[in-house]
Amino acid sequence: MTSVNTAVDLVGYLAAILTTTAFVPQAWLTWQRKRAEGVSLAMYSMMLVGVMCWLSYGIMLSAWPIIIANVVTLFLASFIFVMKLIYK
């Protein structure tokens, strides 16, 4: 692996960590309060479809930063989506 590829992967992993962990506070707050009135069902529906597309794209490219980030993001966004349905 060249240093350019390593730098590219590091940027990818950093982006993955930041964008994926951005869902943690919302998931935690929703779980803790057992309320989801501030969560948009339409937004999370679109987000889930988009994350599934990104995951498929990452798998097609064998791009591990994209795959890992989107597997975790899919889990967190799905959790928030389900909590929205439960705590409607």
PDB file of N, CA and C in Angstrom:
ATOM      1  N   MET A   1       0.857  -1.175   0.000  1.00  0.00           N
ATOM      2  CA  MET A   1       0.000   0.000   0.000  1.00  0.00           C
ATOM      3  C   MET A   1       0.906   1.243   0.000  1.00  0.00           C
ATOM      4  N   THR A   2       0.624   2.150  -0.866  1.00  0.00           N
ATOM      5  CA  THR A   2       1.434   3.364  -0.943  1.00  0.00           C
ATOM      6  C   THR A   2       0.995   4.355   0.122  1.00  0.00           C
ATOM      7  N   SER A   3       1.842   5.359   0.334  1.00  0.00           N
ATOM      8  CA  SER A   3       1.490   6.369   1.338  1.00  0.00           C
ATOM      9  C   SER A   3       0.269   7.175   0.912  1.00  0.00           C
ATOM     10  N   VAL A   4       0.063   7.313  -0.407  1.00  0.00           N
ATOM     11  CA  VAL A   4      -1.134   8.012  -0.899  1.00  0.00           C
ATOM     12  C   VAL A   4      -2.380   7.210  -0.544  1.00  0.00           C
ATOM     13  N   ASN A   5      -2.344   5.895  -0.790  1.00  0.00           N
ATOM     14  CA  ASN A   5      -3.491   5.046  -0.440  1.00  0.00           C
ATOM     15  C   ASN A   5      -3.739   5.062   1.056  1.00  0.00           C
ATOM     16  N   THR A   6      -2.668   5.051   1.841  1.00  0.00           N
ATOM     17  CA  THR A   6      -2.813   5.095   3.292  1.00  0.00           C
ATOM     18  C   THR A   6      -3.462   6.400   3.720  1.00  0.00           C
ATOM     19  N   ALA A   7      -3.031   7.514   3.154  1.00  0.00           N
ATOM     20  CA  ALA A   7      -3.620   8.820   3.485  1.00  0.00           C
ATOM     21  C   ALA A   7      -5.086   8.867   3.080  1.00  0.00           C
ATOM     22  N   VAL A   8      -5.401   8.332   1.914  1.00  0.00           N
ATOM     23  CA  VAL A   8      -6.789   8.304   1.444  1.00  0.00           C
ATOM     24  C   VAL A   8      -7.639   7.475   2.398  1.00  0.00           C
ATOM     25  N   ASP A   9      -7.151   6.309   2.795  1.00  0.00           N
ATOM     26  CA  ASP A   9      -7.889   5.469   3.735  1.00  0.00           C
ATOM     27  C   ASP A   9      -8.055   6.158   5.088  1.00  0.00           C
ATOM     28  N   LEU A  10      -7.030   6.856   5.547  1.00  0.00           N
ATOM     29  CA  LEU A  10      -7.132   7.562   6.823  1.00  0.00           C
ATOM     30  C   LEU A  10      -8.209   8.639   6.773  1.00  0.00           C
ATOM     31  N   VAL A  11      -8.276   9.363   5.674  1.00  0.00           N
ATOM     32  CA  VAL A  11      -9.341  10.366   5.509  1.00  0.00           C
ATOM     33  C   VAL A  11     -10.701   9.665   5.510  1.00  0.00           C
ATOM     34  N   GLY A  12     -10.782   8.545   4.822  1.00  0.00           N
ATOM     35  CA  GLY A  12     -12.035   7.783   4.782  1.00  0.00           C
ATOM     36  C   GLY A  12     -12.446   7.295   6.160  1.00  0.00           C
ATOM     37  N   TYR A  13     -11.497   6.763   6.919  1.00  0.00           N
ATOM     38  CA  TYR A  13     -11.815   6.296   8.268  1.00  0.00           C
ATOM     39  C   TYR A  13     -12.199   7.450   9.191  1.00  0.00           C
ATOM     40  N   LEU A  14     -11.517   8.582   9.077  1.00  0.00           N
ATOM     41  CA  LEU A  14     -11.861   9.742   9.893  1.00  0.00           C
ATOM     42  C   LEU A  14     -13.278  10.219   9.572  1.00  0.00           C
ATOM     43  N   ALA A  15     -13.597  10.327   8.288  1.00  0.00           N
ATOM     44  CA  ALA A  15     -14.949  10.723   7.876  1.00  0.00           C
ATOM     45  C   ALA A  15     -15.971   9.713   8.402  1.00  0.00           C
ATOM     46  N   ALA A  16     -15.644   8.434   8.312  1.00  0.00           N
ATOM     47  CA  ALA A  16     -16.548   7.381   8.779  1.00  0.00           C
ATOM     48  C   ALA A  16     -16.801   7.506  10.273  1.00  0.00           C
ATOM     49  N   ILE A  17     -15.752   7.727  11.036  1.00  0.00           N
ATOM     50  CA  ILE A  17     -15.895   7.845  12.490  1.00  0.00           C
ATOM     51  C   ILE A  17     -16.753   9.051  12.845  1.00  0.00           C
ATOM     52  N   LEU A  18     -16.477  10.181  12.230  1.00  0.00           N
ATOM     53  CA  LEU A  18     -17.216  11.403  12.559  1.00  0.00           C
ATOM     54  C   LEU A  18     -18.685  11.325  12.168  1.00  0.00           C
ATOM     55  N   THR A  19     -18.971  10.887  10.947  1.00  0.00           N
ATOM     56  CA  THR A  19     -20.366  10.867  10.501  1.00  0.00           C
ATOM     57  C   THR A  19     -21.164   9.760  11.186  1.00  0.00           C
ATOM     58  N   THR A  20     -20.517   8.667  11.509  1.00  0.00           N
ATOM     59  CA  THR A  20     -21.216   7.571  12.175  1.00  0.00           C
ATOM     60  C   THR A  20     -21.497   7.908  13.627  1.00  0.00           C
ATOM     61  N   THR A  21     -20.511   8.426  14.326  1.00  0.00           N
ATOM     62  CA  THR A  21     -20.728   8.746  15.740  1.00  0.00           C
ATOM     63  C   THR A  21     -21.682   9.920  15.921  1.00  0.00           C
ATOM     64  N   ALA A  22     -21.948  10.667  14.878  1.00  0.00           N
ATOM     65  CA  ALA A  22     -22.916  11.765  14.960  1.00  0.00           C
ATOM     66  C   ALA A  22     -24.313  11.242  15.300  1.00  0.00           C
ATOM     67  N   PHE A  23     -24.584   9.980  15.021  1.00  0.00           N
ATOM     68  CA  PHE A  23     -25.896   9.399  15.319  1.00  0.00           C
ATOM     69  C   PHE A  23     -26.025   8.949  16.771  1.00  0.00           C
ATOM     70  N   VAL A  24     -24.919   8.768  17.453  1.00  0.00           N
ATOM     71  CA  VAL A  24     -24.946   8.230  18.816  1.00  0.00           C
ATOM     72  C   VAL A  24     -25.723   9.131  19.779  1.00  0.00           C
ATOM     73  N   PRO A  25     -25.499  10.449  19.812  1.00  0.00           N
ATOM     74  CA  PRO A  25     -26.273  11.269  20.759  1.00  0.00           C
ATOM     75  C   PRO A  25     -27.785  11.191  20.542  1.00  0.00           C
ATOM     76  N   GLN A  26     -28.232  11.170  19.291  1.00  0.00           N
ATOM     77  CA  GLN A  26     -29.674  11.073  19.012  1.00  0.00           C
ATOM     78  C   GLN A  26     -30.216   9.722  19.452  1.00  0.00           C
ATOM     79  N   ALA A  27     -29.475   8.664  19.166  1.00  0.00           N
ATOM     80  CA  ALA A  27     -29.908   7.321  19.567  1.00  0.00           C
ATOM     81  C   ALA A  27     -29.977   7.221  21.084  1.00  0.00           C
ATOM     82  N   TRP A  28     -28.956   7.737  21.766  1.00  0.00           N
ATOM     83  CA  TRP A  28     -28.920   7.690  23.228  1.00  0.00           C
ATOM     84  C   TRP A  28     -30.060   8.502  23.838  1.00  0.00           C
ATOM     85  N   LEU A  29     -30.266   9.703  23.337  1.00  0.00           N
ATOM     86  CA  LEU A  29     -31.321  10.572  23.853  1.00  0.00           C
ATOM     87  C   LEU A  29     -32.703   9.949  23.652  1.00  0.00           C
ATOM     88  N   THR A  30     -32.921   9.381  22.478  1.00  0.00           N
ATOM     89  CA  THR A  30     -34.206   8.733  22.184  1.00  0.00           C
ATOM     90  C   THR A  30     -34.433   7.551  23.116  1.00  0.00           C
ATOM     91  N   TRP A  31     -33.411   6.752  23.325  1.00  0.00           N
ATOM     92  CA  TRP A  31     -33.509   5.583  24.204  1.00  0.00           C
ATOM     93  C   TRP A  31     -33.728   6.011  25.657  1.00  0.00           C
ATOM     94  N   GLN A  32     -32.957   6.991  26.085  1.00  0.00           N
ATOM     95  CA  GLN A  32     -33.006   7.442  27.467  1.00  0.00           C
ATOM     96  C   GLN A  32     -34.349   8.072  27.821  1.00  0.00           C
ATOM     97  N   ARG A  33     -34.858   8.924  26.946  1.00  0.00           N
ATOM     98  CA  ARG A  33     -36.106   9.655  27.230  1.00  0.00           C
ATOM     99  C   ARG A  33     -37.358   8.887  26.826  1.00  0.00           C
ATOM    100  N   LYS A  34     -37.175   7.849  26.021  1.00  0.00           N
ATOM    101  CA  LYS A  34     -38.314   7.065  25.513  1.00  0.00           C
ATOM    102  C   LYS A  34     -39.298   7.966  24.774  1.00  0.00           C
ATOM    103  N   ARG A  35     -38.731   8.966  24.074  1.00  0.00           N
ATOM    104  CA  ARG A  35     -39.533   9.902  23.273  1.00  0.00           C
ATOM    105  C   ARG A  35     -38.779  10.183  21.987  1.00  0.00           C
ATOM    106  N   ALA A  36     -39.533  10.426  20.921  1.00  0.00           N
ATOM    107  CA  ALA A  36     -38.905  10.703  19.631  1.00  0.00           C
ATOM    108  C   ALA A  36     -39.666  11.758  18.843  1.00  0.00           C
ATOM    109  N   GLU A  37     -40.297  12.674  19.554  1.00  0.00           N
ATOM    110  CA  GLU A  37     -41.110  13.665  18.841  1.00  0.00           C
ATOM    111  C   GLU A  37     -40.276  14.588  17.960  1.00  0.00           C
ATOM    112  N   GLY A  38     -39.011  14.768  18.255  1.00  0.00           N
ATOM    113  CA  GLY A  38     -38.173  15.630  17.441  1.00  0.00           C
ATOM    114  C   GLY A  38     -37.535  14.935  16.253  1.00  0.00           C
ATOM    115  N   VAL A  39     -37.799  13.654  16.108  1.00  0.00           N
ATOM    116  CA  VAL A  39     -37.212  12.864  15.032  1.00  0.00           C
ATOM    117  C   VAL A  39     -38.153  12.857  13.836  1.00  0.00           C
ATOM    118  N   SER A  40     -37.628  13.178  12.675  1.00  0.00           N
ATOM    119  CA  SER A  40     -38.428  13.191  11.452  1.00  0.00           C
ATOM    120  C   SER A  40     -38.428  11.803  10.813  1.00  0.00           C
ATOM    121  N   LEU A  41     -39.612  11.219  10.716  1.00  0.00           N
ATOM    122  CA  LEU A  41     -39.747   9.902  10.099  1.00  0.00           C
ATOM    123  C   LEU A  41     -39.347   9.946   8.622  1.00  0.00           C
ATOM    124  N   ALA A  42     -39.723  11.003   7.931  1.00  0.00           N
ATOM    125  CA  ALA A  42     -39.359  11.137   6.510  1.00  0.00           C
ATOM    126  C   ALA A  42     -37.845  11.230   6.345  1.00  0.00           C
ATOM    127  N   MET A  43     -37.201  12.018   7.199  1.00  0.00           N
ATOM    128  CA  MET A  43     -35.745  12.168   7.105  1.00  0.00           C
ATOM    129  C   MET A  43     -35.042  10.846   7.353  1.00  0.00           C
ATOM    130  N   TYR A  44     -35.460  10.117   8.384  1.00  0.00           N
ATOM    131  CA  TYR A  44     -34.807   8.847   8.680  1.00  0.00           C
ATOM    132  C   TYR A  44     -35.125   7.786   7.634  1.00  0.00           C
ATOM    133  N   SER A  45     -36.283   7.849   7.012  1.00  0.00           N
ATOM    134  CA  SER A  45     -36.594   6.928   5.910  1.00  0.00           C
ATOM    135  C   SER A  45     -35.629   7.154   4.751  1.00  0.00           C
ATOM    136  N   MET A  46     -35.453   8.425   4.386  1.00  0.00           N
ATOM    137  CA  MET A  46     -34.522   8.748   3.303  1.00  0.00           C
ATOM    138  C   MET A  46     -33.088   8.420   3.704  1.00  0.00           C
ATOM    139  N   MET A  47     -32.747   8.675   4.949  1.00  0.00           N
ATOM    140  CA  MET A  47     -31.401   8.394   5.439  1.00  0.00           C
ATOM    141  C   MET A  47     -31.097   6.906   5.348  1.00  0.00           C
ATOM    142  N   LEU A  48     -32.053   6.074   5.752  1.00  0.00           N
ATOM    143  CA  LEU A  48     -31.841   4.623   5.705  1.00  0.00           C
ATOM    144  C   LEU A  48     -31.619   4.136   4.274  1.00  0.00           C
ATOM    145  N   VAL A  49     -32.402   4.626   3.347  1.00  0.00           N
ATOM    146  CA  VAL A  49     -32.222   4.238   1.940  1.00  0.00           C
ATOM    147  C   VAL A  49     -30.858   4.713   1.444  1.00  0.00           C
ATOM    148  N   GLY A  50     -30.488   5.940   1.785  1.00  0.00           N
ATOM    149  CA  GLY A  50     -29.184   6.466   1.385  1.00  0.00           C
ATOM    150  C   GLY A  50     -28.038   5.670   1.971  1.00  0.00           C
ATOM    151  N   VAL A  51     -28.139   5.305   3.236  1.00  0.00           N
ATOM    152  CA  VAL A  51     -27.085   4.508   3.880  1.00  0.00           C
ATOM    153  C   VAL A  51     -26.984   3.130   3.234  1.00  0.00           C
ATOM    154  N   MET A  52     -28.120   2.542   2.884  1.00  0.00           N
ATOM    155  CA  MET A  52     -28.087   1.246   2.199  1.00  0.00           C
ATOM    156  C   MET A  52     -27.407   1.370   0.834  1.00  0.00           C
ATOM    157  N   CYS A  53     -27.645   2.474   0.152  1.00  0.00           N
ATOM    158  CA  CYS A  53     -26.974   2.714  -1.133  1.00  0.00           C
ATOM    159  C   CYS A  53     -25.475   2.889  -0.934  1.00  0.00           C
ATOM    160  N   TRP A  54     -25.071   3.671   0.077  1.00  0.00           N
ATOM    161  CA  TRP A  54     -23.649   3.850   0.372  1.00  0.00           C
ATOM    162  C   TRP A  54     -22.999   2.516   0.741  1.00  0.00           C
ATOM    163  N   LEU A  55     -23.690   1.709   1.513  1.00  0.00           N
ATOM    164  CA  LEU A  55     -23.167   0.400   1.894  1.00  0.00           C
ATOM    165  C   LEU A  55     -22.979  -0.472   0.659  1.00  0.00           C
ATOM    166  N   SER A  56     -23.958  -0.490  -0.222  1.00  0.00           N
ATOM    167  CA  SER A  56     -23.839  -1.259  -1.467  1.00  0.00           C
ATOM    168  C   SER A  56     -22.666  -0.764  -2.301  1.00  0.00           C
ATOM    169  N   TYR A  57     -22.526   0.543  -2.390  1.00  0.00           N
ATOM    170  CA  TYR A  57     -21.418   1.159  -3.127  1.00  0.00           C
ATOM    171  C   TYR A  57     -20.077   0.743  -2.530  1.00  0.00           C
ATOM    172  N   GLY A  58     -19.972   0.802  -1.212  1.00  0.00           N
ATOM    173  CA  GLY A  58     -18.738   0.391  -0.542  1.00  0.00           C
ATOM    174  C   GLY A  58     -18.412  -1.068  -0.777  1.00  0.00           C
ATOM    175  N   ILE A  59     -19.436  -1.915  -0.758  1.00  0.00           N
ATOM    176  CA  ILE A  59     -19.225  -3.347  -1.015  1.00  0.00           C
ATOM    177  C   ILE A  59     -18.754  -3.560  -2.447  1.00  0.00           C
ATOM    178  N   MET A  60     -19.363  -2.867  -3.395  1.00  0.00           N
ATOM    179  CA  MET A  60     -18.956  -3.002  -4.802  1.00  0.00           C
ATOM    180  C   MET A  60     -17.514  -2.563  -5.017  1.00  0.00           C
ATOM    181  N   LEU A  61     -17.069  -1.576  -4.255  1.00  0.00           N
ATOM    182  CA  LEU A  61     -15.695  -1.078  -4.379  1.00  0.00           C
ATOM    183  C   LEU A  61     -14.716  -1.795  -3.451  1.00  0.00           C
ATOM    184  N   SER A  62     -15.234  -2.627  -2.558  1.00  0.00           N
ATOM    185  CA  SER A  62     -14.424  -3.242  -1.500  1.00  0.00           C
ATOM    186  C   SER A  62     -13.713  -2.167  -0.682  1.00  0.00           C
ATOM    187  N   ALA A  63     -14.422  -1.085  -0.408  1.00  0.00           N
ATOM    188  CA  ALA A  63     -13.869   0.054   0.326  1.00  0.00           C
ATOM    189  C   ALA A  63     -14.255  -0.077   1.799  1.00  0.00           C
ATOM    190  N   TRP A  64     -13.353  -0.579   2.614  1.00  0.00           N
ATOM    191  CA  TRP A  64     -13.656  -0.865   4.005  1.00  0.00           C
ATOM    192  C   TRP A  64     -14.089   0.338   4.825  1.00  0.00           C
ATOM    193  N   PRO A  65     -13.503   1.527   4.633  1.00  0.00           N
ATOM    194  CA  PRO A  65     -14.021   2.676   5.409  1.00  0.00           C
ATOM    195  C   PRO A  65     -15.505   2.926   5.143  1.00  0.00           C
ATOM    196  N   ILE A  66     -15.919   2.794   3.899  1.00  0.00           N
ATOM    197  CA  ILE A  66     -17.322   3.018   3.536  1.00  0.00           C
ATOM    198  C   ILE A  66     -18.194   1.894   4.080  1.00  0.00           C
ATOM    199  N   ILE A  67     -17.729   0.676   3.972  1.00  0.00           N
ATOM    200  CA  ILE A  67     -18.499  -0.483   4.437  1.00  0.00           C
ATOM    201  C   ILE A  67     -18.716  -0.418   5.944  1.00  0.00           C
ATOM    202  N   ILE A  68     -17.633  -0.263   6.684  1.00  0.00           N
ATOM    203  CA  ILE A  68     -17.723  -0.260   8.150  1.00  0.00           C
ATOM    204  C   ILE A  68     -18.603   0.884   8.644  1.00  0.00           C
ATOM    205  N   ALA A  69     -18.356   2.069   8.120  1.00  0.00           N
ATOM    206  CA  ALA A  69     -19.137   3.230   8.558  1.00  0.00           C
ATOM    207  C   ALA A  69     -20.616   3.039   8.296  1.00  0.00           C
ATOM    208  N   ASN A  70     -20.950   2.502   7.156  1.00  0.00           N
ATOM    209  CA  ASN A  70     -22.358   2.394   6.798  1.00  0.00           C
ATOM    210  C   ASN A  70     -23.055   1.223   7.455  1.00  0.00           C
ATOM    211  N   VAL A  71     -22.331   0.188   7.827  1.00  0.00           N
ATOM    212  CA  VAL A  71     -22.936  -0.887   8.622  1.00  0.00           C
ATOM    213  C   VAL A  71     -23.324  -0.331   9.990  1.00  0.00           C
ATOM    214  N   VAL A  72     -22.410   0.399  10.619  1.00  0.00           N
ATOM    215  CA  VAL A  72     -22.692   0.973  11.932  1.00  0.00           C
ATOM    216  C   VAL A  72     -23.780   2.041  11.833  1.00  0.00           C
ATOM    217  N   THR A  73     -23.678   2.906  10.827  1.00  0.00           N
ATOM    218  CA  THR A  73     -24.683   3.948  10.639  1.00  0.00           C
ATOM    219  C   THR A  73     -26.056   3.343  10.371  1.00  0.00           C
ATOM    220  N   LEU A  74     -26.107   2.274   9.582  1.00  0.00           N
ATOM    221  CA  LEU A  74     -27.376   1.600   9.310  1.00  0.00           C
ATOM    222  C   LEU A  74     -27.998   1.090  10.606  1.00  0.00           C
ATOM    223  N   PHE A  75     -27.175   0.522  11.466  1.00  0.00           N
ATOM    224  CA  PHE A  75     -27.669   0.043  12.756  1.00  0.00           C
ATOM    225  C   PHE A  75     -28.223   1.203  13.589  1.00  0.00           C
ATOM    226  N   LEU A  76     -27.440   2.282  13.733  1.00  0.00           N
ATOM    227  CA  LEU A  76     -27.863   3.408  14.560  1.00  0.00           C
ATOM    228  C   LEU A  76     -29.097   4.113  13.992  1.00  0.00           C
ATOM    229  N   ALA A  77     -29.105   4.349  12.701  1.00  0.00           N
ATOM    230  CA  ALA A  77     -30.247   5.025  12.079  1.00  0.00           C
ATOM    231  C   ALA A  77     -31.496   4.138  12.149  1.00  0.00           C
ATOM    232  N   SER A  78     -31.327   2.837  11.984  1.00  0.00           N
ATOM    233  CA  SER A  78     -32.459   1.904  12.103  1.00  0.00           C
ATOM    234  C   SER A  78     -33.013   1.914  13.522  1.00  0.00           C
ATOM    235  N   PHE A  79     -32.115   1.959  14.496  1.00  0.00           N
ATOM    236  CA  PHE A  79     -32.520   2.010  15.895  1.00  0.00           C
ATOM    237  C   PHE A  79     -33.376   3.251  16.156  1.00  0.00           C
ATOM    238  N   ILE A  80     -32.902   4.400  15.686  1.00  0.00           N
ATOM    239  CA  ILE A  80     -33.649   5.647  15.874  1.00  0.00           C
ATOM    240  C   ILE A  80     -34.987   5.579  15.140  1.00  0.00           C
ATOM    241  N   PHE A  81     -34.992   5.035  13.925  1.00  0.00           N
ATOM    242  CA  PHE A  81     -36.216   4.891  13.131  1.00  0.00           C
ATOM    243  C   PHE A  81     -37.239   4.031  13.876  1.00  0.00           C
ATOM    244  N   VAL A  82     -36.794   2.902  14.409  1.00  0.00           N
ATOM    245  CA  VAL A  82     -37.696   2.008  15.141  1.00  0.00           C
ATOM    246  C   VAL A  82     -38.205   2.683  16.411  1.00  0.00           C
ATOM    247  N   MET A  83     -37.324   3.388  17.109  1.00  0.00           N
ATOM    248  CA  MET A  83     -37.756   4.109  18.311  1.00  0.00           C
ATOM    249  C   MET A  83     -38.811   5.161  17.960  1.00  0.00           C
ATOM    250  N   LYS A  84     -38.654   5.793  16.813  1.00  0.00           N
ATOM    251  CA  LYS A  84     -39.656   6.776  16.356  1.00  0.00           C
ATOM    252  C   LYS A  84     -41.006   6.084  16.166  1.00  0.00           C
ATOM    253  N   LEU A  85     -41.000   4.901  15.579  1.00  0.00           N
ATOM    254  CA  LEU A  85     -42.249   4.169  15.361  1.00  0.00           C
ATOM    255  C   LEU A  85     -42.860   3.715  16.699  1.00  0.00           C
ATOM    256  N   ILE A  86     -42.023   3.282  17.613  1.00  0.00           N
ATOM    257  CA  ILE A  86     -42.509   2.807  18.910  1.00  0.00           C
ATOM    258  C   ILE A  86     -43.040   3.952  19.769  1.00  0.00           C
ATOM    259  N   TYR A  87     -42.302   5.056  19.805  1.00  0.00           N
ATOM    260  CA  TYR A  87     -42.654   6.172  20.696  1.00  0.00           C
ATOM    261  C   TYR A  87     -43.457   7.264  19.998  1.00  0.00           C
ATOM    262  N   LYS A  88     -44.168   6.918  18.962  1.00  0.00           N
ATOM    263  CA  LYS A  88     -44.945   7.876  18.187  1.00  0.00           C
ATOM    264  C   LYS A  88     -45.855   8.700  19.005  1.00  0.00           C
TER     265      LYS A  88
END
